[in-house]
Amino acid sequence: MSMTLQSARIAFWASSVALLSLLVLHVLRPDLVPTSHMISEYAIGPYGAVMGVSFGAFALGSLALLVALVGQARGWSGRMGLVFLFLTAVGLALGGAFPMDPTTADQTQMSFSGRMHGVGFMIGVPSELLAVLFVSLALRRQAPWSGARLPMWAAAVWLSLVVMVPLLMQMRYFGIPNRTFMVAYGIWIMLAARPLMRTHPVPTRPGDLIPG
């Protein structure tokens, strides 16, 4: 089994685990109303490990997709996309390893874990936005991804953040776009990895490009 094929499978199934874990948390923690709580808050309390698994699986999926796309995502956009995929994985790993402080905690006296979670957020969110943008641009004209709709899901990631920012400032309904931000990203990883699972990857030739 080639490294590309194996990595694509890891990316696909890791993202599946991440999304499933996030779904399960909504059943385990009905006290956290989705509209008014960030997903990071699931890391606080008796089921924090499940949120850690979700963040860790998102990080693994990002890193595995990076490995799978080496040699596939070409050009400046492809190279930039792979760099930002790596940074996304770092941010998500930090988010999973270091739970946030409770929202009621004094923000001037944050714990080390809370500060590191914030660092992960500052690295991961911008990197995720740029990763989906640049990788989608790099793959959009390659035949294996012609029907993958990567740009659509990349747009969903961006739109989620655009909607979330003003809602977060108003402190209402921000939990929904926070969730769609990560769900859209997980689906994007799966769609980017899937063509490399269906076919034993071969180097893209000029004839494999979609005209236009």
N, C-alpha and C. Protein backbone atom coordinates (compact mmCIF):
# COMPACT_ATOMS: atom_id res chain seq x y z
N MET A 1 0.85 -1.19 0.00
CA MET A 1 0.00 0.00 0.00
C MET A 1 0.89 1.25 0.00
N SER A 2 0.62 2.17 -0.91
CA SER A 2 1.45 3.36 -1.01
C SER A 2 1.19 4.30 0.16
N MET A 3 2.18 5.16 0.43
CA MET A 3 2.03 6.14 1.50
C MET A 3 0.86 7.08 1.22
N THR A 4 0.68 7.45 -0.06
CA THR A 4 -0.41 8.35 -0.42
C THR A 4 -1.77 7.72 -0.10
N LEU A 5 -1.94 6.48 -0.52
CA LEU A 5 -3.21 5.79 -0.30
C LEU A 5 -3.47 5.59 1.19
N GLN A 6 -2.45 5.16 1.92
CA GLN A 6 -2.60 4.94 3.35
C GLN A 6 -2.93 6.24 4.08
N SER A 7 -2.24 7.31 3.71
CA SER A 7 -2.47 8.61 4.35
C SER A 7 -3.86 9.13 4.05
N ALA A 8 -4.32 8.93 2.81
CA ALA A 8 -5.67 9.37 2.44
C ALA A 8 -6.72 8.64 3.27
N ARG A 9 -6.52 7.37 3.48
CA ARG A 9 -7.47 6.60 4.29
C ARG A 9 -7.46 7.08 5.74
N ILE A 10 -6.28 7.36 6.26
CA ILE A 10 -6.20 7.87 7.64
C ILE A 10 -6.91 9.21 7.74
N ALA A 11 -6.69 10.09 6.75
CA ALA A 11 -7.34 11.41 6.76
C ALA A 11 -8.85 11.26 6.75
N PHE A 12 -9.36 10.39 5.90
CA PHE A 12 -10.80 10.20 5.77
C PHE A 12 -11.40 9.67 7.06
N TRP A 13 -10.82 8.62 7.60
CA TRP A 13 -11.42 7.99 8.78
C TRP A 13 -11.16 8.79 10.06
N ALA A 14 -10.04 9.49 10.13
CA ALA A 14 -9.80 10.35 11.29
C ALA A 14 -10.83 11.47 11.34
N SER A 15 -11.13 12.04 10.19
CA SER A 15 -12.14 13.10 10.14
C SER A 15 -13.52 12.54 10.49
N SER A 16 -13.79 11.31 10.07
CA SER A 16 -15.06 10.68 10.43
C SER A 16 -15.17 10.52 11.94
N VAL A 17 -14.09 10.09 12.58
CA VAL A 17 -14.07 9.94 14.04
C VAL A 17 -14.26 11.30 14.71
N ALA A 18 -13.61 12.32 14.18
CA ALA A 18 -13.73 13.67 14.75
C ALA A 18 -15.17 14.15 14.72
N LEU A 19 -15.83 13.97 13.58
CA LEU A 19 -17.21 14.42 13.44
C LEU A 19 -18.16 13.60 14.31
N LEU A 20 -17.92 12.28 14.37
CA LEU A 20 -18.77 11.42 15.19
C LEU A 20 -18.62 11.76 16.67
N SER A 21 -17.39 12.01 17.10
CA SER A 21 -17.15 12.37 18.50
C SER A 21 -17.87 13.67 18.85
N LEU A 22 -17.83 14.62 17.93
CA LEU A 22 -18.51 15.90 18.16
C LEU A 22 -20.02 15.70 18.25
N LEU A 23 -20.55 14.82 17.41
CA LEU A 23 -21.98 14.52 17.46
C LEU A 23 -22.36 13.87 18.79
N VAL A 24 -21.56 12.91 19.22
CA VAL A 24 -21.84 12.20 20.47
C VAL A 24 -21.85 13.16 21.66
N LEU A 25 -20.98 14.15 21.63
CA LEU A 25 -20.93 15.12 22.73
C LEU A 25 -22.23 15.89 22.90
N HIS A 26 -22.94 16.10 21.80
CA HIS A 26 -24.22 16.80 21.90
C HIS A 26 -25.26 15.96 22.64
N VAL A 27 -25.07 14.65 22.62
CA VAL A 27 -25.95 13.75 23.37
C VAL A 27 -25.50 13.66 24.83
N LEU A 28 -24.19 13.59 25.03
CA LEU A 28 -23.65 13.45 26.38
C LEU A 28 -23.79 14.72 27.21
N ARG A 29 -23.77 15.88 26.55
CA ARG A 29 -23.81 17.15 27.27
C ARG A 29 -24.99 18.01 26.81
N PRO A 30 -26.22 17.58 27.07
CA PRO A 30 -27.38 18.38 26.67
C PRO A 30 -27.47 19.70 27.43
N ASP A 31 -26.70 19.82 28.52
CA ASP A 31 -26.72 21.06 29.30
C ASP A 31 -26.02 22.21 28.57
N LEU A 32 -25.15 21.88 27.62
CA LEU A 32 -24.48 22.92 26.84
C LEU A 32 -25.30 23.18 25.58
N VAL A 33 -26.11 24.20 25.64
CA VAL A 33 -26.99 24.53 24.51
C VAL A 33 -26.13 24.91 23.31
N PRO A 34 -26.28 24.22 22.18
CA PRO A 34 -25.42 24.46 21.01
C PRO A 34 -25.40 25.91 20.52
N THR A 35 -26.50 26.62 20.68
CA THR A 35 -26.55 27.98 20.14
C THR A 35 -25.66 28.95 20.90
N SER A 36 -25.39 28.67 22.16
CA SER A 36 -24.68 29.66 22.99
C SER A 36 -23.41 29.13 23.64
N HIS A 37 -22.89 28.00 23.15
CA HIS A 37 -21.65 27.46 23.70
C HIS A 37 -20.73 27.01 22.57
N MET A 38 -19.45 27.33 22.71
CA MET A 38 -18.44 26.89 21.74
C MET A 38 -18.15 25.41 21.97
N ILE A 39 -17.70 24.73 20.93
CA ILE A 39 -17.41 23.30 21.08
C ILE A 39 -16.27 23.06 22.06
N SER A 40 -15.37 24.03 22.22
CA SER A 40 -14.26 23.86 23.16
C SER A 40 -14.74 23.67 24.59
N GLU A 41 -15.95 24.14 24.89
CA GLU A 41 -16.48 24.00 26.24
C GLU A 41 -16.78 22.55 26.59
N TYR A 42 -16.91 21.68 25.58
CA TYR A 42 -17.12 20.26 25.86
C TYR A 42 -15.90 19.64 26.53
N ALA A 43 -14.73 20.30 26.41
CA ALA A 43 -13.51 19.77 27.01
C ALA A 43 -13.50 19.93 28.52
N ILE A 44 -14.42 20.75 29.04
CA ILE A 44 -14.52 20.98 30.48
C ILE A 44 -15.59 20.05 31.05
N GLY A 45 -15.22 19.24 32.02
CA GLY A 45 -16.22 18.36 32.61
C GLY A 45 -15.92 16.89 32.41
N PRO A 46 -16.89 16.04 32.72
CA PRO A 46 -16.65 14.59 32.74
C PRO A 46 -16.37 13.96 31.38
N TYR A 47 -16.78 14.62 30.29
CA TYR A 47 -16.58 14.04 28.97
C TYR A 47 -15.54 14.82 28.16
N GLY A 48 -14.64 15.48 28.89
CA GLY A 48 -13.61 16.27 28.21
C GLY A 48 -12.74 15.44 27.29
N ALA A 49 -12.51 14.18 27.67
CA ALA A 49 -11.66 13.32 26.85
C ALA A 49 -12.25 13.09 25.46
N VAL A 50 -13.57 13.08 25.37
CA VAL A 50 -14.22 12.88 24.06
C VAL A 50 -13.94 14.08 23.16
N MET A 51 -13.96 15.29 23.73
CA MET A 51 -13.62 16.47 22.94
C MET A 51 -12.16 16.44 22.55
N GLY A 52 -11.32 15.93 23.45
CA GLY A 52 -9.91 15.77 23.12
C GLY A 52 -9.70 14.82 21.96
N VAL A 53 -10.49 13.75 21.93
CA VAL A 53 -10.43 12.81 20.81
C VAL A 53 -10.84 13.50 19.52
N SER A 54 -11.89 14.32 19.59
CA SER A 54 -12.37 15.01 18.40
C SER A 54 -11.31 15.96 17.85
N PHE A 55 -10.74 16.79 18.73
CA PHE A 55 -9.68 17.71 18.29
C PHE A 55 -8.48 16.93 17.76
N GLY A 56 -8.09 15.87 18.46
CA GLY A 56 -6.95 15.08 18.03
C GLY A 56 -7.18 14.42 16.69
N ALA A 57 -8.40 13.94 16.47
CA ALA A 57 -8.72 13.30 15.19
C ALA A 57 -8.73 14.33 14.06
N PHE A 58 -9.24 15.53 14.34
CA PHE A 58 -9.17 16.60 13.34
C PHE A 58 -7.71 16.91 12.98
N ALA A 59 -6.85 16.96 14.01
CA ALA A 59 -5.43 17.23 13.78
C ALA A 59 -4.79 16.12 12.96
N LEU A 60 -5.08 14.87 13.32
CA LEU A 60 -4.53 13.73 12.58
C LEU A 60 -5.02 13.74 11.14
N GLY A 61 -6.31 14.03 10.94
CA GLY A 61 -6.85 14.09 9.59
C GLY A 61 -6.17 15.15 8.75
N SER A 62 -5.88 16.30 9.36
CA SER A 62 -5.21 17.39 8.65
C SER A 62 -3.80 16.98 8.25
N LEU A 63 -3.07 16.38 9.19
CA LEU A 63 -1.70 15.98 8.93
C LEU A 63 -1.63 14.86 7.90
N ALA A 64 -2.54 13.90 8.00
CA ALA A 64 -2.57 12.79 7.04
C ALA A 64 -2.92 13.28 5.64
N LEU A 65 -3.84 14.24 5.55
CA LEU A 65 -4.18 14.80 4.24
C LEU A 65 -2.98 15.52 3.64
N LEU A 66 -2.22 16.22 4.47
CA LEU A 66 -1.00 16.87 3.99
C LEU A 66 -0.08 15.85 3.33
N VAL A 67 0.17 14.74 4.02
CA VAL A 67 1.05 13.69 3.48
C VAL A 67 0.48 13.13 2.19
N ALA A 68 -0.83 12.90 2.16
CA ALA A 68 -1.47 12.33 0.97
C ALA A 68 -1.37 13.25 -0.23
N LEU A 69 -1.37 14.56 0.01
CA LEU A 69 -1.39 15.52 -1.09
C LEU A 69 -0.01 15.95 -1.56
N VAL A 70 1.03 15.50 -0.88
CA VAL A 70 2.39 15.81 -1.36
C VAL A 70 2.56 15.19 -2.75
N GLY A 71 2.91 16.00 -3.71
CA GLY A 71 3.01 15.53 -5.09
C GLY A 71 1.73 15.68 -5.87
N GLN A 72 0.63 15.94 -5.18
CA GLN A 72 -0.66 16.14 -5.85
C GLN A 72 -1.04 17.62 -5.89
N ALA A 73 -0.85 18.31 -4.77
CA ALA A 73 -1.17 19.75 -4.70
C ALA A 73 0.05 20.53 -5.16
N ARG A 74 0.01 20.97 -6.41
CA ARG A 74 1.17 21.60 -7.02
C ARG A 74 1.02 23.11 -7.10
N GLY A 75 2.12 23.75 -7.52
CA GLY A 75 2.10 25.19 -7.70
C GLY A 75 2.21 25.92 -6.37
N TRP A 76 2.23 27.24 -6.45
CA TRP A 76 2.38 28.04 -5.23
C TRP A 76 1.19 27.84 -4.29
N SER A 77 -0.01 27.70 -4.87
CA SER A 77 -1.19 27.52 -4.02
C SER A 77 -1.15 26.17 -3.31
N GLY A 78 -0.66 25.15 -4.01
CA GLY A 78 -0.54 23.84 -3.38
C GLY A 78 0.46 23.84 -2.25
N ARG A 79 1.61 24.47 -2.48
CA ARG A 79 2.63 24.52 -1.43
C ARG A 79 2.15 25.31 -0.22
N MET A 80 1.50 26.44 -0.48
CA MET A 80 0.96 27.23 0.63
C MET A 80 -0.12 26.45 1.38
N GLY A 81 -0.96 25.74 0.63
CA GLY A 81 -2.01 24.95 1.26
C GLY A 81 -1.46 23.89 2.19
N LEU A 82 -0.38 23.23 1.77
CA LEU A 82 0.21 22.19 2.62
C LEU A 82 0.83 22.78 3.88
N VAL A 83 1.45 23.95 3.74
CA VAL A 83 2.01 24.62 4.92
C VAL A 83 0.90 24.94 5.93
N PHE A 84 -0.21 25.47 5.41
CA PHE A 84 -1.30 25.84 6.32
C PHE A 84 -2.03 24.62 6.86
N LEU A 85 -2.02 23.51 6.13
CA LEU A 85 -2.58 22.27 6.69
C LEU A 85 -1.76 21.83 7.90
N PHE A 86 -0.44 21.96 7.79
CA PHE A 86 0.42 21.60 8.92
C PHE A 86 0.13 22.50 10.12
N LEU A 87 0.01 23.79 9.88
CA LEU A 87 -0.27 24.72 10.97
C LEU A 87 -1.65 24.47 11.57
N THR A 88 -2.60 24.09 10.72
CA THR A 88 -3.93 23.74 11.22
C THR A 88 -3.85 22.54 12.16
N ALA A 89 -3.06 21.54 11.76
CA ALA A 89 -2.89 20.36 12.61
C ALA A 89 -2.27 20.74 13.95
N VAL A 90 -1.29 21.64 13.92
CA VAL A 90 -0.65 22.09 15.17
C VAL A 90 -1.67 22.78 16.07
N GLY A 91 -2.45 23.69 15.48
CA GLY A 91 -3.46 24.42 16.26
C GLY A 91 -4.50 23.50 16.86
N LEU A 92 -4.97 22.53 16.08
CA LEU A 92 -5.98 21.60 16.57
C LEU A 92 -5.42 20.68 17.65
N ALA A 93 -4.16 20.26 17.47
CA ALA A 93 -3.53 19.41 18.48
C ALA A 93 -3.39 20.16 19.81
N LEU A 94 -3.01 21.43 19.73
CA LEU A 94 -2.92 22.25 20.95
C LEU A 94 -4.29 22.42 21.60
N GLY A 95 -5.31 22.62 20.75
CA GLY A 95 -6.67 22.78 21.27
C GLY A 95 -7.15 21.54 22.00
N GLY A 96 -6.74 20.37 21.51
CA GLY A 96 -7.15 19.12 22.14
C GLY A 96 -6.33 18.79 23.37
N ALA A 97 -5.05 19.12 23.35
CA ALA A 97 -4.17 18.78 24.46
C ALA A 97 -4.36 19.70 25.66
N PHE A 98 -4.79 20.94 25.39
CA PHE A 98 -4.93 21.93 26.45
C PHE A 98 -6.36 22.48 26.47
N PRO A 99 -7.21 21.96 27.35
CA PRO A 99 -8.59 22.45 27.44
C PRO A 99 -8.64 23.93 27.82
N MET A 100 -9.68 24.59 27.36
CA MET A 100 -9.88 25.99 27.70
C MET A 100 -10.26 26.12 29.17
N ASP A 101 -10.11 27.33 29.71
CA ASP A 101 -10.59 27.61 31.06
C ASP A 101 -12.11 27.76 31.02
N PRO A 102 -12.78 27.54 32.15
CA PRO A 102 -14.23 27.79 32.19
C PRO A 102 -14.54 29.23 31.80
N THR A 103 -15.66 29.44 31.17
CA THR A 103 -16.02 30.78 30.71
C THR A 103 -16.23 31.75 31.87
N THR A 104 -16.44 31.20 33.06
CA THR A 104 -16.65 32.05 34.25
C THR A 104 -15.33 32.44 34.91
N ALA A 105 -14.21 31.89 34.43
CA ALA A 105 -12.91 32.16 35.04
C ALA A 105 -12.46 33.59 34.75
N ASP A 106 -11.64 34.12 35.62
CA ASP A 106 -11.07 35.46 35.45
C ASP A 106 -10.09 35.43 34.28
N GLN A 107 -10.39 36.18 33.23
CA GLN A 107 -9.56 36.16 32.03
C GLN A 107 -8.18 36.77 32.26
N THR A 108 -8.02 37.53 33.34
CA THR A 108 -6.71 38.11 33.65
C THR A 108 -5.80 37.11 34.38
N GLN A 109 -6.36 35.99 34.80
CA GLN A 109 -5.59 34.98 35.52
C GLN A 109 -5.79 33.61 34.86
N MET A 110 -5.58 33.56 33.57
CA MET A 110 -5.76 32.32 32.82
C MET A 110 -4.72 31.29 33.22
N SER A 111 -5.12 30.03 33.23
CA SER A 111 -4.20 28.94 33.51
C SER A 111 -3.30 28.72 32.30
N PHE A 112 -2.23 27.94 32.50
CA PHE A 112 -1.34 27.60 31.39
C PHE A 112 -2.12 26.89 30.29
N SER A 113 -3.00 25.95 30.71
CA SER A 113 -3.80 25.21 29.73
C SER A 113 -4.69 26.16 28.94
N GLY A 114 -5.30 27.12 29.63
CA GLY A 114 -6.17 28.07 28.95
C GLY A 114 -5.41 28.93 27.96
N ARG A 115 -4.19 29.36 28.36
CA ARG A 115 -3.37 30.18 27.44
C ARG A 115 -2.96 29.38 26.22
N MET A 116 -2.55 28.13 26.43
CA MET A 116 -2.13 27.30 25.30
C MET A 116 -3.30 26.99 24.37
N HIS A 117 -4.49 26.83 24.96
CA HIS A 117 -5.68 26.62 24.13
C HIS A 117 -5.91 27.85 23.25
N GLY A 118 -5.70 29.02 23.83
CA GLY A 118 -5.84 30.25 23.06
C GLY A 118 -4.81 30.34 21.94
N VAL A 119 -3.58 29.89 22.21
CA VAL A 119 -2.55 29.87 21.17
C VAL A 119 -2.97 28.94 20.04
N GLY A 120 -3.49 27.77 20.42
CA GLY A 120 -3.97 26.83 19.41
C GLY A 120 -5.06 27.43 18.55
N PHE A 121 -5.96 28.18 19.19
CA PHE A 121 -7.05 28.84 18.46
C PHE A 121 -6.49 29.86 17.48
N MET A 122 -5.53 30.67 17.93
CA MET A 122 -4.97 31.71 17.09
C MET A 122 -4.17 31.15 15.91
N ILE A 123 -3.57 29.99 16.11
CA ILE A 123 -2.84 29.34 15.02
C ILE A 123 -3.81 28.59 14.11
N GLY A 124 -4.70 27.82 14.71
CA GLY A 124 -5.53 26.90 13.95
C GLY A 124 -6.59 27.53 13.09
N VAL A 125 -7.30 28.54 13.61
CA VAL A 125 -8.42 29.11 12.85
C VAL A 125 -7.96 29.80 11.57
N PRO A 126 -7.00 30.75 11.64
CA PRO A 126 -6.55 31.37 10.38
C PRO A 126 -5.93 30.36 9.42
N SER A 127 -5.19 29.40 9.97
CA SER A 127 -4.54 28.40 9.11
C SER A 127 -5.57 27.52 8.41
N GLU A 128 -6.63 27.17 9.13
CA GLU A 128 -7.69 26.35 8.53
C GLU A 128 -8.34 27.09 7.36
N LEU A 129 -8.61 28.36 7.55
CA LEU A 129 -9.21 29.17 6.48
C LEU A 129 -8.32 29.18 5.25
N LEU A 130 -7.02 29.39 5.45
CA LEU A 130 -6.10 29.49 4.32
C LEU A 130 -5.81 28.12 3.71
N ALA A 131 -5.81 27.07 4.53
CA ALA A 131 -5.57 25.72 4.01
C ALA A 131 -6.66 25.30 3.04
N VAL A 132 -7.93 25.47 3.43
CA VAL A 132 -9.02 25.05 2.54
C VAL A 132 -9.04 25.89 1.27
N LEU A 133 -8.65 27.17 1.38
CA LEU A 133 -8.63 28.04 0.21
C LEU A 133 -7.55 27.62 -0.76
N PHE A 134 -6.31 27.52 -0.29
CA PHE A 134 -5.19 27.25 -1.19
C PHE A 134 -5.22 25.83 -1.75
N VAL A 135 -5.56 24.85 -0.92
CA VAL A 135 -5.62 23.47 -1.42
C VAL A 135 -6.74 23.32 -2.45
N SER A 136 -7.88 23.94 -2.20
CA SER A 136 -8.99 23.88 -3.16
C SER A 136 -8.59 24.51 -4.49
N LEU A 137 -7.86 25.61 -4.43
CA LEU A 137 -7.38 26.26 -5.66
C LEU A 137 -6.40 25.36 -6.40
N ALA A 138 -5.54 24.68 -5.65
CA ALA A 138 -4.53 23.82 -6.28
C ALA A 138 -5.13 22.59 -6.94
N LEU A 139 -6.24 22.08 -6.37
CA LEU A 139 -6.82 20.82 -6.87
C LEU A 139 -8.00 21.01 -7.81
N ARG A 140 -8.47 22.24 -7.96
CA ARG A 140 -9.76 22.45 -8.64
C ARG A 140 -9.75 22.00 -10.10
N ARG A 141 -8.60 21.99 -10.76
CA ARG A 141 -8.56 21.62 -12.17
C ARG A 141 -7.99 20.23 -12.41
N GLN A 142 -7.74 19.48 -11.34
CA GLN A 142 -7.22 18.13 -11.49
C GLN A 142 -8.39 17.15 -11.55
N ALA A 143 -8.33 16.24 -12.50
CA ALA A 143 -9.44 15.34 -12.78
C ALA A 143 -9.96 14.56 -11.57
N PRO A 144 -9.09 14.01 -10.71
CA PRO A 144 -9.63 13.23 -9.58
C PRO A 144 -10.55 14.02 -8.66
N TRP A 145 -10.38 15.35 -8.62
CA TRP A 145 -11.18 16.18 -7.72
C TRP A 145 -12.24 17.01 -8.45
N SER A 146 -12.48 16.69 -9.72
CA SER A 146 -13.40 17.51 -10.52
C SER A 146 -14.82 17.54 -9.95
N GLY A 147 -15.25 16.45 -9.32
CA GLY A 147 -16.60 16.42 -8.77
C GLY A 147 -16.64 16.45 -7.25
N ALA A 148 -15.52 16.79 -6.63
CA ALA A 148 -15.43 16.72 -5.16
C ALA A 148 -16.08 17.90 -4.46
N ARG A 149 -16.32 18.99 -5.17
CA ARG A 149 -16.95 20.19 -4.60
C ARG A 149 -16.15 20.77 -3.44
N LEU A 150 -14.85 20.70 -3.56
CA LEU A 150 -14.01 21.28 -2.51
C LEU A 150 -14.23 22.78 -2.34
N PRO A 151 -14.33 23.56 -3.44
CA PRO A 151 -14.56 25.00 -3.25
C PRO A 151 -15.84 25.31 -2.48
N MET A 152 -16.89 24.51 -2.70
CA MET A 152 -18.15 24.75 -2.00
C MET A 152 -17.98 24.58 -0.49
N TRP A 153 -17.29 23.53 -0.08
CA TRP A 153 -17.10 23.28 1.35
C TRP A 153 -16.07 24.23 1.94
N ALA A 154 -15.10 24.65 1.13
CA ALA A 154 -14.17 25.68 1.59
C ALA A 154 -14.93 26.98 1.85
N ALA A 155 -15.87 27.29 0.95
CA ALA A 155 -16.70 28.49 1.13
C ALA A 155 -17.55 28.37 2.40
N ALA A 156 -18.02 27.16 2.70
CA ALA A 156 -18.82 26.96 3.92
C ALA A 156 -17.98 27.22 5.17
N VAL A 157 -16.71 26.83 5.13
CA VAL A 157 -15.81 27.11 6.25
C VAL A 157 -15.66 28.62 6.44
N TRP A 158 -15.40 29.32 5.35
CA TRP A 158 -15.24 30.77 5.41
C TRP A 158 -16.53 31.46 5.86
N LEU A 159 -17.65 31.04 5.29
CA LEU A 159 -18.93 31.66 5.62
C LEU A 159 -19.26 31.47 7.10
N SER A 160 -18.92 30.31 7.63
CA SER A 160 -19.19 30.05 9.05
C SER A 160 -18.48 31.06 9.94
N LEU A 161 -17.22 31.35 9.61
CA LEU A 161 -16.48 32.31 10.42
C LEU A 161 -17.02 33.72 10.24
N VAL A 162 -17.36 34.07 9.00
CA VAL A 162 -17.91 35.41 8.72
C VAL A 162 -19.19 35.63 9.53
N VAL A 163 -20.01 34.60 9.62
CA VAL A 163 -21.26 34.70 10.38
C VAL A 163 -20.98 34.69 11.88
N MET A 164 -20.00 33.90 12.31
CA MET A 164 -19.75 33.72 13.74
C MET A 164 -19.19 34.98 14.40
N VAL A 165 -18.31 35.70 13.73
CA VAL A 165 -17.63 36.84 14.36
C VAL A 165 -18.61 37.88 14.91
N PRO A 166 -19.54 38.41 14.09
CA PRO A 166 -20.47 39.40 14.66
C PRO A 166 -21.39 38.82 15.73
N LEU A 167 -21.76 37.55 15.58
CA LEU A 167 -22.61 36.92 16.60
C LEU A 167 -21.86 36.76 17.91
N LEU A 168 -20.57 36.46 17.81
CA LEU A 168 -19.75 36.31 19.01
C LEU A 168 -19.60 37.65 19.73
N MET A 169 -19.50 38.71 18.96
CA MET A 169 -19.40 40.05 19.56
C MET A 169 -20.70 40.42 20.28
N GLN A 170 -21.82 39.92 19.76
CA GLN A 170 -23.12 40.17 20.39
C GLN A 170 -23.46 39.13 21.45
N MET A 171 -22.60 38.07 21.53
CA MET A 171 -22.79 36.98 22.50
C MET A 171 -24.14 36.29 22.34
N ARG A 172 -24.50 35.98 21.09
CA ARG A 172 -25.73 35.24 20.87
C ARG A 172 -25.61 34.39 19.60
N TYR A 173 -26.12 33.19 19.68
CA TYR A 173 -26.21 32.26 18.54
C TYR A 173 -24.87 31.93 17.88
N PHE A 174 -23.77 32.23 18.53
CA PHE A 174 -22.46 31.99 17.92
C PHE A 174 -22.11 30.51 17.87
N GLY A 175 -22.79 29.70 18.68
CA GLY A 175 -22.46 28.28 18.74
C GLY A 175 -22.75 27.53 17.45
N ILE A 176 -23.76 27.97 16.71
CA ILE A 176 -24.11 27.27 15.47
C ILE A 176 -23.03 27.42 14.41
N PRO A 177 -22.61 28.65 14.05
CA PRO A 177 -21.53 28.76 13.06
C PRO A 177 -20.21 28.19 13.56
N ASN A 178 -20.00 28.18 14.88
CA ASN A 178 -18.80 27.54 15.42
C ASN A 178 -18.79 26.05 15.07
N ARG A 179 -19.96 25.43 15.14
CA ARG A 179 -20.06 24.02 14.81
C ARG A 179 -19.98 23.78 13.31
N THR A 180 -20.65 24.60 12.53
CA THR A 180 -20.60 24.41 11.07
C THR A 180 -19.20 24.65 10.54
N PHE A 181 -18.43 25.50 11.22
CA PHE A 181 -17.03 25.75 10.84
C PHE A 181 -16.23 24.46 10.87
N MET A 182 -16.39 23.68 11.95
CA MET A 182 -15.63 22.45 12.08
C MET A 182 -16.25 21.31 11.28
N VAL A 183 -17.57 21.26 11.21
CA VAL A 183 -18.21 20.20 10.42
C VAL A 183 -17.86 20.35 8.95
N ALA A 184 -17.92 21.58 8.43
CA ALA A 184 -17.57 21.81 7.03
C ALA A 184 -16.12 21.45 6.77
N TYR A 185 -15.25 21.75 7.74
CA TYR A 185 -13.84 21.41 7.57
C TYR A 185 -13.64 19.89 7.55
N GLY A 186 -14.32 19.18 8.44
CA GLY A 186 -14.20 17.73 8.45
C GLY A 186 -14.67 17.11 7.15
N ILE A 187 -15.78 17.60 6.62
CA ILE A 187 -16.29 17.09 5.34
C ILE A 187 -15.32 17.44 4.22
N TRP A 188 -14.75 18.63 4.27
CA TRP A 188 -13.77 19.05 3.25
C TRP A 188 -12.58 18.10 3.23
N ILE A 189 -12.06 17.73 4.41
CA ILE A 189 -10.94 16.79 4.48
C ILE A 189 -11.33 15.46 3.83
N MET A 190 -12.51 14.96 4.16
CA MET A 190 -12.96 13.68 3.62
C MET A 190 -13.08 13.72 2.10
N LEU A 191 -13.62 14.82 1.58
CA LEU A 191 -13.78 14.95 0.13
C LEU A 191 -12.44 15.11 -0.57
N ALA A 192 -11.49 15.76 0.09
CA ALA A 192 -10.16 15.92 -0.50
C ALA A 192 -9.40 14.59 -0.51
N ALA A 193 -9.63 13.77 0.50
CA ALA A 193 -8.92 12.49 0.62
C ALA A 193 -9.55 11.39 -0.22
N ARG A 194 -10.85 11.45 -0.41
CA ARG A 194 -11.57 10.33 -1.03
C ARG A 194 -11.07 9.95 -2.43
N PRO A 195 -10.79 10.90 -3.33
CA PRO A 195 -10.30 10.49 -4.66
C PRO A 195 -9.00 9.70 -4.60
N LEU A 196 -8.19 9.94 -3.60
CA LEU A 196 -6.93 9.22 -3.46
C LEU A 196 -7.14 7.84 -2.85
N MET A 197 -8.33 7.58 -2.32
CA MET A 197 -8.68 6.26 -1.81
C MET A 197 -9.26 5.40 -2.92
N ARG A 198 -9.95 6.04 -3.86
CA ARG A 198 -10.61 5.28 -4.93
C ARG A 198 -9.63 4.80 -5.98
N THR A 199 -8.61 5.60 -6.21
CA THR A 199 -7.65 5.25 -7.25
C THR A 199 -6.26 5.18 -6.64
N HIS A 200 -5.46 4.25 -7.12
CA HIS A 200 -4.07 4.21 -6.71
C HIS A 200 -3.41 5.40 -7.36
N PRO A 201 -3.04 6.44 -6.60
CA PRO A 201 -2.62 7.70 -7.19
C PRO A 201 -1.47 7.56 -8.17
N VAL A 202 -1.59 8.26 -9.26
CA VAL A 202 -0.52 8.35 -10.25
C VAL A 202 -0.22 9.82 -10.44
N PRO A 203 1.01 10.17 -10.81
CA PRO A 203 1.33 11.58 -11.01
C PRO A 203 0.40 12.22 -12.02
N THR A 204 -0.06 13.41 -11.71
CA THR A 204 -0.96 14.12 -12.60
C THR A 204 -0.21 14.57 -13.84
N ARG A 205 -0.74 14.25 -15.01
CA ARG A 205 -0.15 14.66 -16.28
C ARG A 205 -0.93 15.83 -16.82
N PRO A 206 -0.34 16.60 -17.74
CA PRO A 206 -1.07 17.73 -18.30
C PRO A 206 -2.44 17.35 -18.84
N GLY A 207 -2.56 16.16 -19.40
CA GLY A 207 -3.83 15.72 -19.96
C GLY A 207 -4.89 15.44 -18.92
N ASP A 208 -4.46 15.35 -17.64
CA ASP A 208 -5.42 15.09 -16.57
C ASP A 208 -6.10 16.34 -16.07
N LEU A 209 -5.65 17.51 -16.52
CA LEU A 209 -6.23 18.75 -16.06
C LEU A 209 -7.55 19.02 -16.74
N ILE A 210 -8.47 19.60 -16.02
CA ILE A 210 -9.77 19.96 -16.56
C ILE A 210 -9.63 21.26 -17.34
N PRO A 211 -10.02 21.30 -18.59
CA PRO A 211 -9.90 22.53 -19.38
C PRO A 211 -10.72 23.65 -18.76
N GLY A 212 -10.29 24.86 -18.98
CA GLY A 212 -11.07 26.01 -18.54
C GLY A 212 -10.32 26.87 -17.57
